[in-house]
Amino acid sequence: MPRRYSVVCDDDLGDRVEALAREYDLTEQEVIRQLLREALEED
C-alpha cells in the first residue's frame, strides 16, 4: 500500500526539483520519488 510523505525544502532545492521536472517532462512528485529511490538504492 502506498504511503504519503510531505517534503519541505528551501527555494534553491525547490527550483532544482522544478528544473528537473521540466527537463524530463515529469511532475515534481515523480522527480522527488525517483531521487529518493536512487538515494536509497545506493546503500
PDB file of N, CA and C in Angstrom:
ATOM      1  N   MET A   1       0.847  -1.179   0.000  1.00  0.00           N
ATOM      2  CA  MET A   1       0.000   0.000   0.000  1.00  0.00           C
ATOM      3  C   MET A   1       0.893   1.244   0.000  1.00  0.00           C
ATOM      4  N   PRO A   2       0.635   2.193  -0.893  1.00  0.00           N
ATOM      5  CA  PRO A   2       1.459   3.404  -0.957  1.00  0.00           C
ATOM      6  C   PRO A   2       1.338   4.242   0.314  1.00  0.00           C
ATOM      7  N   ARG A   3       2.422   4.894   0.645  1.00  0.00           N
ATOM      8  CA  ARG A   3       2.432   5.818   1.784  1.00  0.00           C
ATOM      9  C   ARG A   3       2.627   7.223   1.255  1.00  0.00           C
ATOM     10  N   ARG A   4       2.134   8.181   1.990  1.00  0.00           N
ATOM     11  CA  ARG A   4       2.291   9.588   1.620  1.00  0.00           C
ATOM     12  C   ARG A   4       3.247  10.250   2.594  1.00  0.00           C
ATOM     13  N   TYR A   5       4.130  11.072   2.036  1.00  0.00           N
ATOM     14  CA  TYR A   5       5.063  11.848   2.834  1.00  0.00           C
ATOM     15  C   TYR A   5       4.975  13.299   2.394  1.00  0.00           C
ATOM     16  N   SER A   6       5.314  14.168   3.287  1.00  0.00           N
ATOM     17  CA  SER A   6       5.353  15.591   2.978  1.00  0.00           C
ATOM     18  C   SER A   6       6.806  16.041   3.028  1.00  0.00           C
ATOM     19  N   VAL A   7       7.213  16.825   2.042  1.00  0.00           N
ATOM     20  CA  VAL A   7       8.594  17.294   1.959  1.00  0.00           C
ATOM     21  C   VAL A   7       8.590  18.813   1.974  1.00  0.00           C
ATOM     22  N   VAL A   8       9.420  19.382   2.832  1.00  0.00           N
ATOM     23  CA  VAL A   8       9.596  20.829   2.875  1.00  0.00           C
ATOM     24  C   VAL A   8      11.047  21.108   2.530  1.00  0.00           C
ATOM     25  N   CYS A   9      11.275  22.005   1.555  1.00  0.00           N
ATOM     26  CA  CYS A   9      12.646  22.306   1.146  1.00  0.00           C
ATOM     27  C   CYS A   9      12.795  23.804   0.908  1.00  0.00           C
ATOM     28  N   ASP A  10      14.028  24.251   0.891  1.00  0.00           N
ATOM     29  CA  ASP A  10      14.280  25.675   0.648  1.00  0.00           C
ATOM     30  C   ASP A  10      14.071  25.994  -0.833  1.00  0.00           C
ATOM     31  N   ASP A  11      14.089  27.275  -1.155  1.00  0.00           N
ATOM     32  CA  ASP A  11      13.813  27.708  -2.527  1.00  0.00           C
ATOM     33  C   ASP A  11      14.809  27.141  -3.529  1.00  0.00           C
ATOM     34  N   ASP A  12      16.080  27.076  -3.170  1.00  0.00           N
ATOM     35  CA  ASP A  12      17.101  26.567  -4.088  1.00  0.00           C
ATOM     36  C   ASP A  12      16.809  25.121  -4.476  1.00  0.00           C
ATOM     37  N   LEU A  13      16.525  24.298  -3.502  1.00  0.00           N
ATOM     38  CA  LEU A  13      16.228  22.888  -3.785  1.00  0.00           C
ATOM     39  C   LEU A  13      14.931  22.754  -4.570  1.00  0.00           C
ATOM     40  N   GLY A  14      13.939  23.539  -4.207  1.00  0.00           N
ATOM     41  CA  GLY A  14      12.673  23.517  -4.938  1.00  0.00           C
ATOM     42  C   GLY A  14      12.855  23.904  -6.395  1.00  0.00           C
ATOM     43  N   ASP A  15      13.707  24.908  -6.633  1.00  0.00           N
ATOM     44  CA  ASP A  15      13.992  25.319  -8.013  1.00  0.00           C
ATOM     45  C   ASP A  15      14.673  24.202  -8.794  1.00  0.00           C
ATOM     46  N   ARG A  16      15.556  23.475  -8.138  1.00  0.00           N
ATOM     47  CA  ARG A  16      16.248  22.373  -8.814  1.00  0.00           C
ATOM     48  C   ARG A  16      15.285  21.243  -9.147  1.00  0.00           C
ATOM     49  N   VAL A  17      14.359  20.951  -8.235  1.00  0.00           N
ATOM     50  CA  VAL A  17      13.341  19.921  -8.492  1.00  0.00           C
ATOM     51  C   VAL A  17      12.461  20.361  -9.665  1.00  0.00           C
ATOM     52  N   GLU A  18      12.038  21.623  -9.668  1.00  0.00           N
ATOM     53  CA  GLU A  18      11.222  22.138 -10.769  1.00  0.00           C
ATOM     54  C   GLU A  18      11.955  22.037 -12.100  1.00  0.00           C
ATOM     55  N   ALA A  19      13.234  22.384 -12.095  1.00  0.00           N
ATOM     56  CA  ALA A  19      14.028  22.336 -13.330  1.00  0.00           C
ATOM     57  C   ALA A  19      14.122  20.904 -13.861  1.00  0.00           C
ATOM     58  N   LEU A  20      14.360  19.950 -12.969  1.00  0.00           N
ATOM     59  CA  LEU A  20      14.418  18.548 -13.398  1.00  0.00           C
ATOM     60  C   LEU A  20      13.073  18.092 -13.949  1.00  0.00           C
ATOM     61  N   ALA A  21      11.998  18.504 -13.306  1.00  0.00           N
ATOM     62  CA  ALA A  21      10.662  18.123 -13.772  1.00  0.00           C
ATOM     63  C   ALA A  21      10.412  18.656 -15.173  1.00  0.00           C
ATOM     64  N   ARG A  22      10.777  19.903 -15.416  1.00  0.00           N
ATOM     65  CA  ARG A  22      10.603  20.478 -16.758  1.00  0.00           C
ATOM     66  C   ARG A  22      11.488  19.768 -17.775  1.00  0.00           C
ATOM     67  N   GLU A  23      12.740  19.540 -17.398  1.00  0.00           N
ATOM     68  CA  GLU A  23      13.699  18.935 -18.326  1.00  0.00           C
ATOM     69  C   GLU A  23      13.252  17.556 -18.794  1.00  0.00           C
ATOM     70  N   TYR A  24      12.701  16.769 -17.876  1.00  0.00           N
ATOM     71  CA  TYR A  24      12.326  15.393 -18.196  1.00  0.00           C
ATOM     72  C   TYR A  24      10.818  15.196 -18.350  1.00  0.00           C
ATOM     73  N   ASP A  25      10.075  16.307 -18.387  1.00  0.00           N
ATOM     74  CA  ASP A  25       8.623  16.257 -18.556  1.00  0.00           C
ATOM     75  C   ASP A  25       7.969  15.338 -17.520  1.00  0.00           C
ATOM     76  N   LEU A  26       8.310  15.572 -16.249  1.00  0.00           N
ATOM     77  CA  LEU A  26       7.762  14.809 -15.128  1.00  0.00           C
ATOM     78  C   LEU A  26       7.086  15.768 -14.154  1.00  0.00           C
ATOM     79  N   THR A  27       6.295  15.217 -13.269  1.00  0.00           N
ATOM     80  CA  THR A  27       5.775  16.038 -12.184  1.00  0.00           C
ATOM     81  C   THR A  27       6.869  16.196 -11.128  1.00  0.00           C
ATOM     82  N   GLU A  28       6.728  17.217 -10.309  1.00  0.00           N
ATOM     83  CA  GLU A  28       7.688  17.406  -9.225  1.00  0.00           C
ATOM     84  C   GLU A  28       7.649  16.210  -8.275  1.00  0.00           C
ATOM     85  N   GLN A  29       6.468  15.657  -8.055  1.00  0.00           N
ATOM     86  CA  GLN A  29       6.344  14.489  -7.188  1.00  0.00           C
ATOM     87  C   GLN A  29       7.139  13.308  -7.738  1.00  0.00           C
ATOM     88  N   GLU A  30       7.075  13.113  -9.051  1.00  0.00           N
ATOM     89  CA  GLU A  30       7.808  11.996  -9.648  1.00  0.00           C
ATOM     90  C   GLU A  30       9.313  12.219  -9.557  1.00  0.00           C
ATOM     91  N   VAL A  31       9.757  13.449  -9.720  1.00  0.00           N
ATOM     92  CA  VAL A  31      11.179  13.753  -9.574  1.00  0.00           C
ATOM     93  C   VAL A  31      11.641  13.391  -8.159  1.00  0.00           C
ATOM     94  N   ILE A  32      10.893  13.815  -7.160  1.00  0.00           N
ATOM     95  CA  ILE A  32      11.257  13.534  -5.767  1.00  0.00           C
ATOM     96  C   ILE A  32      11.232  12.033  -5.506  1.00  0.00           C
ATOM     97  N   ARG A  33      10.229  11.337  -6.029  1.00  0.00           N
ATOM     98  CA  ARG A  33      10.121   9.881  -5.861  1.00  0.00           C
ATOM     99  C   ARG A  33      11.353   9.181  -6.441  1.00  0.00           C
ATOM    100  N   GLN A  34      11.759   9.594  -7.648  1.00  0.00           N
ATOM    101  CA  GLN A  34      12.912   8.965  -8.283  1.00  0.00           C
ATOM    102  C   GLN A  34      14.209   9.294  -7.548  1.00  0.00           C
ATOM    103  N   LEU A  35      14.348  10.522  -7.080  1.00  0.00           N
ATOM    104  CA  LEU A  35      15.548  10.896  -6.329  1.00  0.00           C
ATOM    105  C   LEU A  35      15.664  10.086  -5.035  1.00  0.00           C
ATOM    106  N   LEU A  36      14.564   9.928  -4.334  1.00  0.00           N
ATOM    107  CA  LEU A  36      14.577   9.127  -3.106  1.00  0.00           C
ATOM    108  C   LEU A  36      14.914   7.671  -3.394  1.00  0.00           C
ATOM    109  N   ARG A  37      14.301   7.131  -4.435  1.00  0.00           N
ATOM    110  CA  ARG A  37      14.551   5.731  -4.792  1.00  0.00           C
ATOM    111  C   ARG A  37      16.034   5.516  -5.099  1.00  0.00           C
ATOM    112  N   GLU A  38      16.614   6.400  -5.906  1.00  0.00           N
ATOM    113  CA  GLU A  38      18.037   6.284  -6.254  1.00  0.00           C
ATOM    114  C   GLU A  38      18.924   6.426  -5.018  1.00  0.00           C
ATOM    115  N   ALA A  39      18.609   7.376  -4.161  1.00  0.00           N
ATOM    116  CA  ALA A  39      19.422   7.586  -2.955  1.00  0.00           C
ATOM    117  C   ALA A  39      19.374   6.365  -2.042  1.00  0.00           C
ATOM    118  N   LEU A  40      18.222   5.746  -1.909  1.00  0.00           N
ATOM    119  CA  LEU A  40      18.086   4.588  -1.030  1.00  0.00           C
ATOM    120  C   LEU A  40      18.726   3.342  -1.634  1.00  0.00           C
ATOM    121  N   GLU A  41      18.763   3.247  -2.941  1.00  0.00           N
ATOM    122  CA  GLU A  41      19.378   2.086  -3.581  1.00  0.00           C
ATOM    123  C   GLU A  41      20.894   2.127  -3.510  1.00  0.00           C
ATOM    124  N   GLU A  42      21.480   3.300  -3.265  1.00  0.00           N
ATOM    125  CA  GLU A  42      22.932   3.424  -3.177  1.00  0.00           C
ATOM    126  C   GLU A  42      23.506   2.774  -1.923  1.00  0.00           C
ATOM    127  N   ASP A  43      22.676   2.566  -0.916  1.00  0.00           N
ATOM    128  CA  ASP A  43      23.160   1.973   0.353  1.00  0.00           C
ATOM    129  C   ASP A  43      23.598   0.541   0.193  1.00  0.00           C
TER     130      ASP A  43
END
